[in-house]
Amino acid sequence: MSKNAVVAALAVLACAQVSAQEIEPAVAPAPAVDPQAGPGSARAGWNIGSVSLYAGGFVEAAGVYRTRNQNQDVLTGFSDVPFADSPDHDQHETAFSARQSRLDLLARLWKTDEGELQAYAEVDLLGSDRRAYVPHDRVGYLLWTGDQPDFYFLAGQDWSLATPYRDGLEPRQENVPLTIDAGYSAGFAAPRQPQLRVVGRFGPLLSLGLSLEQPHNQVRGIDNPDGSAAASVHSVAPDMIVKVASDPGFGHYELYALTRLFHDKAPEFVGVPDSTRSNTTVATSLGVNAMLPLFERRLELQASGLFGAANGRYGAGHLADTVFNTTDGSLYAVREQQAMVGVVAHVTKKIDAYAYGGIEHSKAAYSLMPANNLGCGFDTSIAPLPPGFDCGSVGTVRSATAGAWWEFYRGEHGFLMAGPQFEILNNHTYAGSDGTAGHANESVVMLSLRYYPYQ
C-alpha cells in the first residue's frame, strides 16, 4: 500500500458519512476518552452485498521535544537514549508528525447460528523507525467466533496474547497505555506479531487461551562464540503462550506462561571451527497482568510483569533475548524481568489523566559484560576513546510518564481531543567486570491533537 493510498483512505473516512447509517459499536471503550479507540467506537458503516463494513481511526497532529536526539518523532526508542560518547547526547530534538494517524476497518463477513467470521485491520504511517511516512500494518487478522461452544479462533497479526486485557481475552479489548508515545512505556510487554490463537470462554470467571506466535531472536554480544567461524541462528518453533484470565466482578486478572525455542549451529570449542554442532535452547517466562477499577470505575489501577529468560523482545526496551555461550557455542537465554504499573483517572466525562512507570532489567552474561564502562561518559566528538576504555550495551531501561486527554468538541461529524504527555527515561549499561556502569537520562514532552471522524 502506498502513502497516497493511506492518505486517500483517511480522507474518505473524514469526508464521507458512508450512507449515513448509524451502527451499534462492536466494543464499547471503557475510558471516557479513549485515544486508542478503534472500530469498537466506530459508527460509520455501510454494506457491500452481505458484508457489513465498519470504519474507524483518527488523524493526528503531534509535536515532540527531547533533551537528547533520537530522530524518532512519536516512536520513542526506550533503550536508545544517547550516552555521552554519542554526538546526539548534547543535541536536542524537536519534531512535528502525523505518522500515527490511523485507519481501522472491521468487516463482518459471514454470520450463522454457529458463529461469525470477521476480518479486521489497522494501518498507520509508522513503517519506518525514523521520520519517513511509510504505511505500517499494525494488525490484520481473520476472527471466527463460535457460539457453541463459546470460543474464538484468530489467524493473522494482532497484539500478542501476552498483552494485558480489559475483559476476558477478547480481541480489541487490549488494555493499552493511553500515551501519545507510540512506544507506550517500559515494561509494557505486548508486541504485535503474526499468530494462530484459540481462546475458550467459560463464563466471566474463566477464559483460557493458547497462541502460537512469530518467533524472533534478538541475539546480542559477539556474532559468534569464537570470533573465527560464522554461526547460524534460526527459529525451530513458534513462541508459545498459554494464558488464563478471570473477571470475578472486582477487577480483571491474568496469568500466563511464555515458552521460546532457539537454535544455533556454532563451534563447540573456541578456536576449533571443525567442532561445529547444533544446539537448541529452551527458555520460559511467567507473566501476570491485573486491572482493578475503583470508585465506580472513575479510577483504574493496573499492573503487569514478565519474569524469566529470553523475554527481551516482548518489552518496549527490546533488550537482549540471547547471547552466545562462549564455552560451548550454544545460545544462552538471558535472564530478564520487566514490570509496569499504571493509573487512569476519569476526571470528568471529557477529561482523562494517566500515569505509568516501568522497568526492564536483564542480567549480563558472557560477552554482554564489558571490561568497563569508562567510555560511556567520554565525549568522542572531541577525541576518540582512549585505549582500554569501553562502554557496554544497555541492560536496564526505566521510564515514568504522565499525561492527559481532553475531548473538547463532539458533534455529528465526530470529536476532537488533545493532550500533553511528559516522560522521563533512564538507561543503564550492563555492569562491567570492574563494577562500573554507564547511565544516560532523557526527558520528553509530547503534544497531540486528534480528530476521530463520525465516532
Protein backbone atom coordinates (compact mmCIF):
# COMPACT_ATOMS: atom_id res chain seq x y z
CA MET A 1 0.00 0.00 0.00
CA SER A 2 1.39 3.40 -0.97
CA LYS A 3 1.46 6.51 1.16
CA ASN A 4 -1.03 8.14 -1.22
CA ALA A 5 -3.44 5.24 -0.79
CA VAL A 6 -3.36 5.56 3.01
CA VAL A 7 -3.86 9.33 2.85
CA ALA A 8 -6.74 8.86 0.44
CA ALA A 9 -8.37 6.30 2.72
CA LEU A 10 -8.11 8.67 5.68
CA ALA A 11 -9.60 11.45 3.58
CA VAL A 12 -12.54 9.25 2.58
CA LEU A 13 -13.12 8.37 6.22
CA ALA A 14 -13.02 12.02 7.27
CA CYS A 15 -15.15 13.46 4.45
CA ALA A 16 -17.89 10.92 3.79
CA GLN A 17 -20.63 9.83 6.12
CA VAL A 18 -20.82 6.49 4.32
CA SER A 19 -24.54 6.04 3.73
CA ALA A 20 -25.34 7.86 6.97
CA GLN A 21 -26.06 4.58 8.66
CA GLU A 22 -25.80 4.51 12.48
CA ILE A 23 -24.40 1.21 13.70
CA GLU A 24 -24.12 -0.17 17.21
CA PRO A 25 -20.47 -0.24 18.38
CA ALA A 26 -18.77 -3.64 18.29
CA VAL A 27 -16.90 -2.94 21.54
CA ALA A 28 -17.67 -0.02 23.83
CA PRO A 29 -14.49 1.62 25.16
CA ALA A 30 -14.22 1.77 28.93
CA PRO A 31 -12.46 5.14 29.32
CA ALA A 32 -14.48 8.33 28.99
CA VAL A 33 -11.86 9.42 26.46
CA ASP A 34 -10.13 6.63 24.56
CA PRO A 35 -7.22 7.73 22.33
CA GLN A 36 -6.64 4.10 21.35
CA ALA A 37 -10.25 3.63 20.20
CA GLY A 38 -10.56 1.59 17.04
CA PRO A 39 -13.62 0.00 15.44
CA GLY A 40 -15.09 -0.52 18.89
CA SER A 41 -16.22 3.09 18.81
CA ALA A 42 -16.67 3.44 15.05
CA ARG A 43 -20.19 4.43 13.95
CA ALA A 44 -19.59 4.95 10.24
CA GLY A 45 -20.66 1.86 8.34
CA TRP A 46 -22.01 0.54 5.09
CA ASN A 47 -22.94 -2.74 3.43
CA ILE A 48 -21.42 -4.33 0.34
CA GLY A 49 -23.63 -7.28 -0.52
CA SER A 50 -23.77 -9.47 2.56
CA VAL A 51 -20.63 -7.89 4.09
CA SER A 52 -21.00 -5.17 6.74
CA LEU A 53 -18.08 -2.74 7.00
CA TYR A 54 -17.25 -0.50 9.98
CA ALA A 55 -14.66 2.26 9.65
CA GLY A 56 -12.72 4.00 12.38
CA GLY A 57 -9.43 5.65 13.14
CA PHE A 58 -8.12 9.15 13.65
CA VAL A 59 -5.99 11.89 12.13
CA GLU A 60 -3.24 13.18 14.42
CA ALA A 61 -1.01 16.24 14.50
CA ALA A 62 1.68 15.69 17.14
CA GLY A 63 4.68 17.62 18.42
CA VAL A 64 7.72 16.12 20.18
CA TYR A 65 10.61 17.63 22.11
CA ARG A 66 13.50 15.56 23.52
CA THR A 67 16.51 16.65 25.51
CA ARG A 68 18.58 14.04 23.62
CA ASN A 69 18.37 13.47 19.89
CA GLN A 70 16.85 10.12 18.84
CA ASN A 71 15.48 11.11 15.38
CA GLN A 72 12.34 9.17 16.27
CA ASP A 73 9.41 11.67 16.49
CA VAL A 74 6.44 9.94 18.26
CA LEU A 75 8.05 6.48 18.46
CA THR A 76 10.48 6.56 21.38
CA GLY A 77 13.38 4.12 21.49
CA PHE A 78 13.30 3.25 25.19
CA SER A 79 16.79 1.72 25.11
CA ASP A 80 18.17 4.30 22.65
CA VAL A 81 18.94 7.23 24.96
CA PRO A 82 22.27 8.62 23.68
CA PHE A 83 25.20 8.30 26.10
CA ALA A 84 27.86 10.97 26.44
CA ASP A 85 30.06 9.15 23.93
CA SER A 86 27.49 9.91 21.21
CA PRO A 87 27.25 13.25 19.35
CA ASP A 88 23.46 13.06 19.86
CA HIS A 89 23.86 13.28 23.64
CA ASP A 90 24.14 17.07 23.61
CA GLN A 91 21.66 17.62 20.77
CA HIS A 92 18.00 18.38 21.45
CA GLU A 93 15.24 17.11 19.18
CA THR A 94 12.08 18.88 18.02
CA ALA A 95 9.69 17.26 15.56
CA PHE A 96 6.16 17.50 14.22
CA SER A 97 4.47 14.36 13.00
CA ALA A 98 1.23 12.97 11.57
CA ARG A 99 2.66 9.45 11.20
CA GLN A 100 0.50 7.96 13.94
CA SER A 101 -2.71 8.81 12.03
CA ARG A 102 -4.64 5.56 11.80
CA LEU A 103 -7.26 3.85 9.65
CA ASP A 104 -9.25 0.93 11.11
CA LEU A 105 -11.60 -1.35 9.19
CA LEU A 106 -13.80 -4.13 10.57
CA ALA A 107 -15.62 -6.43 8.16
CA ARG A 108 -18.38 -8.78 9.27
CA LEU A 109 -18.12 -11.39 6.55
CA TRP A 110 -20.43 -14.21 7.47
CA LYS A 111 -22.82 -14.98 10.31
CA THR A 112 -24.69 -18.21 11.06
CA ASP A 113 -26.33 -19.82 14.08
CA GLU A 114 -22.96 -21.44 14.87
CA GLY A 115 -20.85 -18.28 14.85
CA GLU A 116 -19.50 -15.30 12.95
CA LEU A 117 -16.49 -14.66 10.70
CA GLN A 118 -14.83 -11.22 10.84
CA ALA A 119 -11.78 -9.55 9.34
CA TYR A 120 -10.07 -6.61 11.00
CA ALA A 121 -7.13 -4.39 10.04
CA GLU A 122 -5.33 -1.28 11.31
CA VAL A 123 -2.88 0.80 9.28
CA ASP A 124 -0.76 3.79 10.31
CA LEU A 125 2.30 5.52 8.81
CA LEU A 126 4.95 4.32 11.28
CA GLY A 127 6.53 1.80 8.91
CA SER A 128 9.92 3.45 9.35
CA ASP A 129 11.60 3.91 12.72
CA ARG A 130 12.67 7.41 11.74
CA ARG A 131 10.54 10.14 10.15
CA ALA A 132 9.51 8.74 6.78
CA TYR A 133 5.78 8.31 6.11
CA VAL A 134 5.73 4.59 5.36
CA PRO A 135 2.48 2.55 5.61
CA HIS A 136 2.56 0.12 8.50
CA ASP A 137 0.19 -2.79 9.13
CA ARG A 138 -0.39 -2.66 12.88
CA VAL A 139 -2.79 -5.59 12.92
CA GLY A 140 -4.66 -7.64 10.35
CA TYR A 141 -6.46 -10.89 11.07
CA LEU A 142 -9.40 -13.20 10.48
CA LEU A 143 -11.55 -13.99 13.51
CA TRP A 144 -14.05 -16.81 13.87
CA THR A 145 -16.27 -16.53 16.94
CA GLY A 146 -18.21 -19.66 17.85
CA ASP A 147 -21.33 -19.80 19.99
CA GLN A 148 -21.49 -23.47 20.96
CA PRO A 149 -19.02 -23.94 22.50
CA ASP A 150 -18.13 -20.36 23.34
CA PHE A 151 -14.71 -19.76 21.76
CA TYR A 152 -12.86 -17.85 19.07
CA PHE A 153 -10.06 -18.63 16.62
CA LEU A 154 -7.75 -15.87 15.35
CA ALA A 155 -5.29 -16.11 12.46
CA GLY A 156 -3.10 -13.18 11.39
CA GLN A 157 -1.21 -10.33 13.02
CA ASP A 158 -2.52 -8.99 16.32
CA TRP A 159 -1.33 -7.93 19.74
CA SER A 160 0.45 -10.83 21.42
CA LEU A 161 -1.61 -12.91 23.83
CA ALA A 162 0.89 -11.66 26.45
CA THR A 163 -0.81 -8.23 26.19
CA PRO A 164 -2.92 -7.12 29.19
CA TYR A 165 -6.68 -7.17 28.50
CA ARG A 166 -9.64 -5.34 29.96
CA ASP A 167 -12.26 -8.08 29.61
CA GLY A 168 -11.58 -11.79 29.19
CA LEU A 169 -9.13 -12.34 26.35
CA GLU A 170 -11.25 -10.62 23.72
CA PRO A 171 -9.71 -9.08 20.57
CA ARG A 172 -9.88 -5.26 20.59
CA GLN A 173 -10.16 -5.26 24.38
CA GLU A 174 -6.42 -4.85 24.98
CA ASN A 175 -5.53 -2.63 27.94
CA VAL A 176 -3.05 -0.44 26.06
CA PRO A 177 -1.50 2.61 27.79
CA LEU A 178 -3.18 5.89 26.78
CA THR A 179 0.11 7.58 25.89
CA ILE A 180 0.80 9.72 22.84
CA ASP A 181 4.12 7.88 22.59
CA ALA A 182 3.72 5.05 20.08
CA GLY A 183 6.21 3.02 22.13
CA TYR A 184 3.91 3.25 25.19
CA SER A 185 6.02 2.51 28.31
CA ALA A 186 8.96 0.49 29.55
CA GLY A 187 7.68 -2.78 31.00
CA PHE A 188 4.69 -2.97 28.65
CA ALA A 189 5.18 -6.50 27.29
CA ALA A 190 2.97 -6.54 24.22
CA PRO A 191 4.40 -6.85 20.70
CA ARG A 192 2.14 -7.11 17.66
CA GLN A 193 3.06 -10.17 15.60
CA PRO A 194 1.65 -12.96 13.37
CA GLN A 195 -0.01 -15.76 15.28
CA LEU A 196 -2.54 -18.56 15.48
CA ARG A 197 -4.70 -18.29 18.58
CA VAL A 198 -7.62 -20.17 20.11
CA VAL A 199 -9.46 -18.97 23.22
CA GLY A 200 -12.24 -20.73 25.11
CA ARG A 201 -14.64 -18.77 27.30
CA PHE A 202 -16.22 -20.47 30.28
CA GLY A 203 -18.23 -17.60 31.74
CA PRO A 204 -16.78 -14.45 33.33
CA LEU A 205 -14.67 -16.41 35.81
CA LEU A 206 -12.50 -18.17 33.24
CA SER A 207 -11.04 -17.61 29.80
CA LEU A 208 -8.30 -19.95 28.59
CA GLY A 209 -6.11 -19.20 25.57
CA LEU A 210 -3.29 -20.75 23.55
CA SER A 211 -1.30 -18.75 20.99
CA LEU A 212 1.49 -19.80 18.63
CA GLU A 213 3.34 -16.61 17.66
CA GLN A 214 6.06 -15.43 15.30
CA PRO A 215 9.49 -16.13 16.81
CA HIS A 216 12.29 -13.59 16.61
CA ASN A 217 15.57 -13.89 18.46
CA GLN A 218 17.42 -10.74 19.50
CA VAL A 219 21.00 -12.04 19.75
CA ARG A 220 23.35 -9.52 21.35
CA GLY A 221 27.03 -9.50 22.17
CA ILE A 222 29.58 -11.07 19.79
CA ASP A 223 28.31 -12.54 16.49
CA ASN A 224 29.75 -15.99 17.10
CA PRO A 225 31.32 -17.83 20.00
CA ASP A 226 34.97 -17.93 18.92
CA GLY A 227 35.32 -14.97 16.56
CA SER A 228 36.53 -17.12 13.68
CA ALA A 229 33.66 -19.19 12.26
CA ALA A 230 30.27 -17.75 11.38
CA ALA A 231 27.44 -19.06 13.49
CA SER A 232 23.96 -19.85 12.15
CA VAL A 233 20.97 -18.84 14.27
CA HIS A 234 17.37 -19.60 13.41
CA SER A 235 13.99 -20.41 14.95
CA VAL A 236 12.80 -24.00 15.11
CA ALA A 237 9.33 -23.43 16.57
CA PRO A 238 6.87 -20.59 17.23
CA ASP A 239 6.73 -18.85 20.58
CA MET A 240 4.01 -20.50 22.66
CA ILE A 241 1.84 -18.60 25.14
CA VAL A 242 -0.74 -20.20 27.42
CA LYS A 243 -2.89 -17.74 29.36
CA VAL A 244 -5.75 -17.89 31.84
CA ALA A 245 -7.89 -14.82 32.64
CA SER A 246 -10.64 -14.16 35.16
CA ASP A 247 -13.20 -11.39 35.71
CA PRO A 248 -14.66 -12.15 39.17
CA GLY A 249 -16.53 -8.84 39.44
CA PHE A 250 -13.82 -6.89 41.26
CA GLY A 251 -11.22 -6.41 38.55
CA HIS A 252 -9.54 -8.36 35.78
CA TYR A 253 -6.64 -10.80 36.36
CA GLU A 254 -4.36 -12.84 34.10
CA LEU A 255 -1.61 -15.43 34.45
CA TYR A 256 0.40 -16.77 31.52
CA ALA A 257 3.45 -18.77 30.52
CA LEU A 258 5.75 -17.95 27.60
CA THR A 259 7.94 -20.68 26.08
CA ARG A 260 10.54 -19.99 23.41
CA LEU A 261 12.98 -22.22 21.49
CA PHE A 262 16.27 -21.05 19.96
CA HIS A 263 18.55 -22.99 17.64
CA ASP A 264 22.11 -22.30 16.54
CA LYS A 265 24.96 -24.04 14.78
CA ALA A 266 28.38 -22.92 16.00
CA PRO A 267 31.82 -24.23 17.05
CA GLU A 268 31.70 -26.10 20.34
CA PHE A 269 35.34 -25.39 21.16
CA VAL A 270 36.92 -21.95 20.94
CA GLY A 271 39.32 -21.70 18.00
CA VAL A 272 38.25 -25.07 16.51
CA PRO A 273 35.89 -24.34 13.58
CA ASP A 274 35.61 -28.05 12.72
CA SER A 275 33.91 -28.67 16.08
CA THR A 276 30.65 -27.13 14.81
CA ARG A 277 27.49 -28.61 16.30
CA SER A 278 23.79 -27.79 16.56
CA ASN A 279 22.25 -26.58 19.80
CA THR A 280 18.68 -25.95 20.95
CA THR A 281 17.92 -23.71 23.91
CA VAL A 282 14.53 -23.63 25.67
CA ALA A 283 13.54 -20.51 27.60
CA THR A 284 10.46 -19.94 29.75
CA SER A 285 8.92 -16.92 31.46
CA LEU A 286 5.87 -16.34 33.66
CA GLY A 287 3.70 -13.27 33.31
CA VAL A 288 0.92 -11.59 35.30
CA ASN A 289 -1.49 -8.77 34.43
CA ALA A 290 -4.13 -7.14 36.59
CA MET A 291 -6.59 -4.25 36.40
CA LEU A 292 -8.66 -3.01 39.35
CA PRO A 293 -11.36 -0.33 38.89
CA LEU A 294 -12.19 1.80 41.93
CA PHE A 295 -14.78 4.44 42.86
CA GLU A 296 -17.35 3.30 40.31
CA ARG A 297 -14.64 2.98 37.63
CA ARG A 298 -13.53 6.58 38.00
CA LEU A 299 -10.07 5.29 38.84
CA GLU A 300 -8.35 2.29 37.27
CA LEU A 301 -5.18 0.70 38.61
CA GLN A 302 -3.17 -1.71 36.50
CA ALA A 303 -0.02 -3.75 36.93
CA SER A 304 1.84 -6.23 34.78
CA GLY A 305 5.05 -8.22 34.95
CA LEU A 306 7.04 -10.78 32.98
CA PHE A 307 9.81 -12.74 34.70
CA GLY A 308 12.13 -15.41 33.35
CA ALA A 309 14.53 -15.76 30.43
CA ALA A 310 14.75 -14.51 26.83
CA ASN A 311 11.71 -12.22 27.01
CA GLY A 312 13.55 -9.05 25.93
CA ARG A 313 11.82 -8.61 22.58
CA TYR A 314 8.43 -8.67 24.30
CA GLY A 315 9.19 -5.41 26.12
CA ALA A 316 9.25 -1.83 24.83
CA GLY A 317 13.00 -1.66 25.52
CA HIS A 318 13.81 -4.58 23.17
CA LEU A 319 16.66 -5.86 25.32
CA ALA A 320 18.65 -8.99 24.56
CA ASP A 321 16.98 -12.38 24.26
CA THR A 322 20.11 -14.48 23.94
CA VAL A 323 23.91 -14.27 23.90
CA PHE A 324 26.41 -16.89 22.78
CA ASN A 325 27.79 -19.17 25.46
CA THR A 326 31.47 -18.81 24.70
CA THR A 327 32.33 -22.14 26.34
CA ASP A 328 30.27 -24.48 24.15
CA GLY A 329 28.78 -22.38 21.29
CA SER A 330 25.15 -22.68 22.41
CA LEU A 331 22.77 -19.76 22.87
CA TYR A 332 22.33 -18.63 26.45
CA ALA A 333 18.84 -17.34 27.36
CA VAL A 334 19.43 -14.01 29.11
CA ARG A 335 17.65 -13.64 32.44
CA GLU A 336 15.24 -10.72 32.40
CA GLN A 337 12.47 -9.16 34.46
CA GLN A 338 10.11 -6.44 33.32
CA ALA A 339 7.18 -4.74 35.02
CA MET A 340 4.82 -1.79 34.62
CA VAL A 341 2.27 -0.11 36.89
CA GLY A 342 -0.26 2.50 35.85
CA VAL A 343 -3.25 4.53 36.90
CA VAL A 344 -6.00 6.13 34.81
CA ALA A 345 -8.33 8.72 36.36
CA HIS A 346 -11.59 9.66 34.63
CA VAL A 347 -11.56 13.19 36.00
CA THR A 348 -14.71 14.30 34.16
CA LYS A 349 -16.76 12.97 31.25
CA LYS A 350 -14.39 14.85 28.95
CA ILE A 351 -11.01 14.54 30.69
CA ASP A 352 -8.84 11.52 31.46
CA ALA A 353 -5.46 11.66 33.22
CA TYR A 354 -2.90 8.85 33.29
CA ALA A 355 0.48 7.91 34.73
CA TYR A 356 2.70 4.87 34.08
CA GLY A 357 6.03 3.66 35.39
CA GLY A 358 8.02 0.72 34.07
CA ILE A 359 11.32 -1.11 34.20
CA GLU A 360 13.08 -3.76 32.12
CA HIS A 361 16.23 -5.33 33.52
CA SER A 362 18.40 -8.10 32.09
CA LYS A 363 21.40 -9.75 33.69
CA ALA A 364 24.79 -9.61 31.96
CA ALA A 365 26.30 -12.86 30.77
CA TYR A 366 29.28 -13.82 28.60
CA SER A 367 30.09 -11.12 26.02
CA LEU A 368 27.30 -8.83 27.27
CA MET A 369 29.56 -7.93 30.21
CA PRO A 370 32.05 -5.21 29.19
CA ALA A 371 35.51 -4.87 30.71
CA ASN A 372 34.47 -1.45 31.99
CA ASN A 373 32.13 1.44 31.19
CA LEU A 374 34.67 4.26 31.38
CA GLY A 375 33.95 5.23 27.79
CA CYS A 376 30.23 5.87 28.34
CA GLY A 377 30.94 9.35 29.71
CA PHE A 378 33.72 10.22 27.27
CA ASP A 379 32.86 12.80 24.60
CA THR A 380 34.00 11.15 21.36
CA SER A 381 33.20 14.29 19.36
CA ILE A 382 36.35 15.81 20.90
CA ALA A 383 38.65 12.81 20.74
CA PRO A 384 38.39 9.04 20.14
CA LEU A 385 38.10 6.68 23.08
CA PRO A 386 41.44 6.14 24.82
CA PRO A 387 42.84 2.60 24.72
CA GLY A 388 41.18 0.33 27.26
CA PHE A 389 38.04 2.47 27.55
CA ASP A 390 34.79 0.56 26.91
CA CYS A 391 31.04 1.20 27.06
CA GLY A 392 28.63 -1.73 27.34
CA SER A 393 25.19 -2.08 25.80
CA VAL A 394 22.01 -1.16 27.65
CA GLY A 395 20.87 -3.72 30.22
CA THR A 396 18.31 -1.72 32.24
CA VAL A 397 15.55 0.57 30.98
CA ARG A 398 13.29 2.70 33.18
CA SER A 399 10.55 5.13 32.24
CA ALA A 400 7.97 7.28 34.02
CA THR A 401 5.26 9.14 32.16
CA ALA A 402 2.18 11.23 32.89
CA GLY A 403 -0.36 12.93 30.67
CA ALA A 404 -3.99 13.72 29.99
CA TRP A 405 -6.61 13.77 27.22
CA TRP A 406 -9.34 16.40 26.84
CA GLU A 407 -12.26 15.80 24.50
CA PHE A 408 -13.11 19.44 23.82
CA TYR A 409 -15.57 19.01 20.96
CA ARG A 410 -18.11 16.37 19.92
CA GLY A 411 -20.66 16.72 17.14
CA GLU A 412 -22.36 14.84 14.35
CA HIS A 413 -19.11 14.71 12.38
CA GLY A 414 -17.01 13.16 15.16
CA PHE A 415 -14.95 14.55 18.00
CA LEU A 416 -11.69 16.38 18.68
CA MET A 417 -9.33 15.65 21.55
CA ALA A 418 -5.97 16.99 22.64
CA GLY A 419 -3.47 16.37 25.38
CA PRO A 420 0.09 16.63 26.66
CA GLN A 421 2.49 13.92 27.81
CA PHE A 422 5.69 14.24 29.84
CA GLU A 423 8.17 11.37 30.00
CA ILE A 424 11.47 10.62 31.73
CA LEU A 425 13.77 7.84 30.50
CA ASN A 426 16.76 6.28 32.23
CA ASN A 427 19.16 3.75 30.67
CA HIS A 428 21.92 1.79 32.43
CA THR A 429 24.52 -0.37 30.75
CA TYR A 430 25.42 -3.86 31.87
CA ALA A 431 27.87 -3.63 34.75
CA GLY A 432 31.47 -4.05 33.70
CA SER A 433 33.96 -6.56 35.07
CA ASP A 434 35.35 -3.74 37.20
CA GLY A 435 31.89 -2.94 38.64
CA THR A 436 31.37 0.30 36.70
CA ALA A 437 28.13 1.09 34.86
CA GLY A 438 27.22 3.81 32.41
CA HIS A 439 23.93 5.68 32.52
CA ALA A 440 22.00 8.19 30.43
CA ASN A 441 18.82 10.17 31.05
CA GLU A 442 16.35 11.87 28.76
CA SER A 443 13.20 13.98 29.13
CA VAL A 444 10.44 14.01 26.53
CA VAL A 445 7.45 16.31 26.02
CA MET A 446 4.71 15.43 23.54
CA LEU A 447 1.54 17.22 22.44
CA SER A 448 -1.23 15.72 20.34
CA LEU A 449 -4.37 16.88 18.55
CA ARG A 450 -6.60 14.13 17.17
CA TYR A 451 -9.77 14.10 15.08
CA TYR A 452 -11.97 10.99 15.20
CA PRO A 453 -14.48 11.27 12.33
CA TYR A 454 -18.07 10.03 12.73
CA GLN A 455 -17.50 8.30 16.07
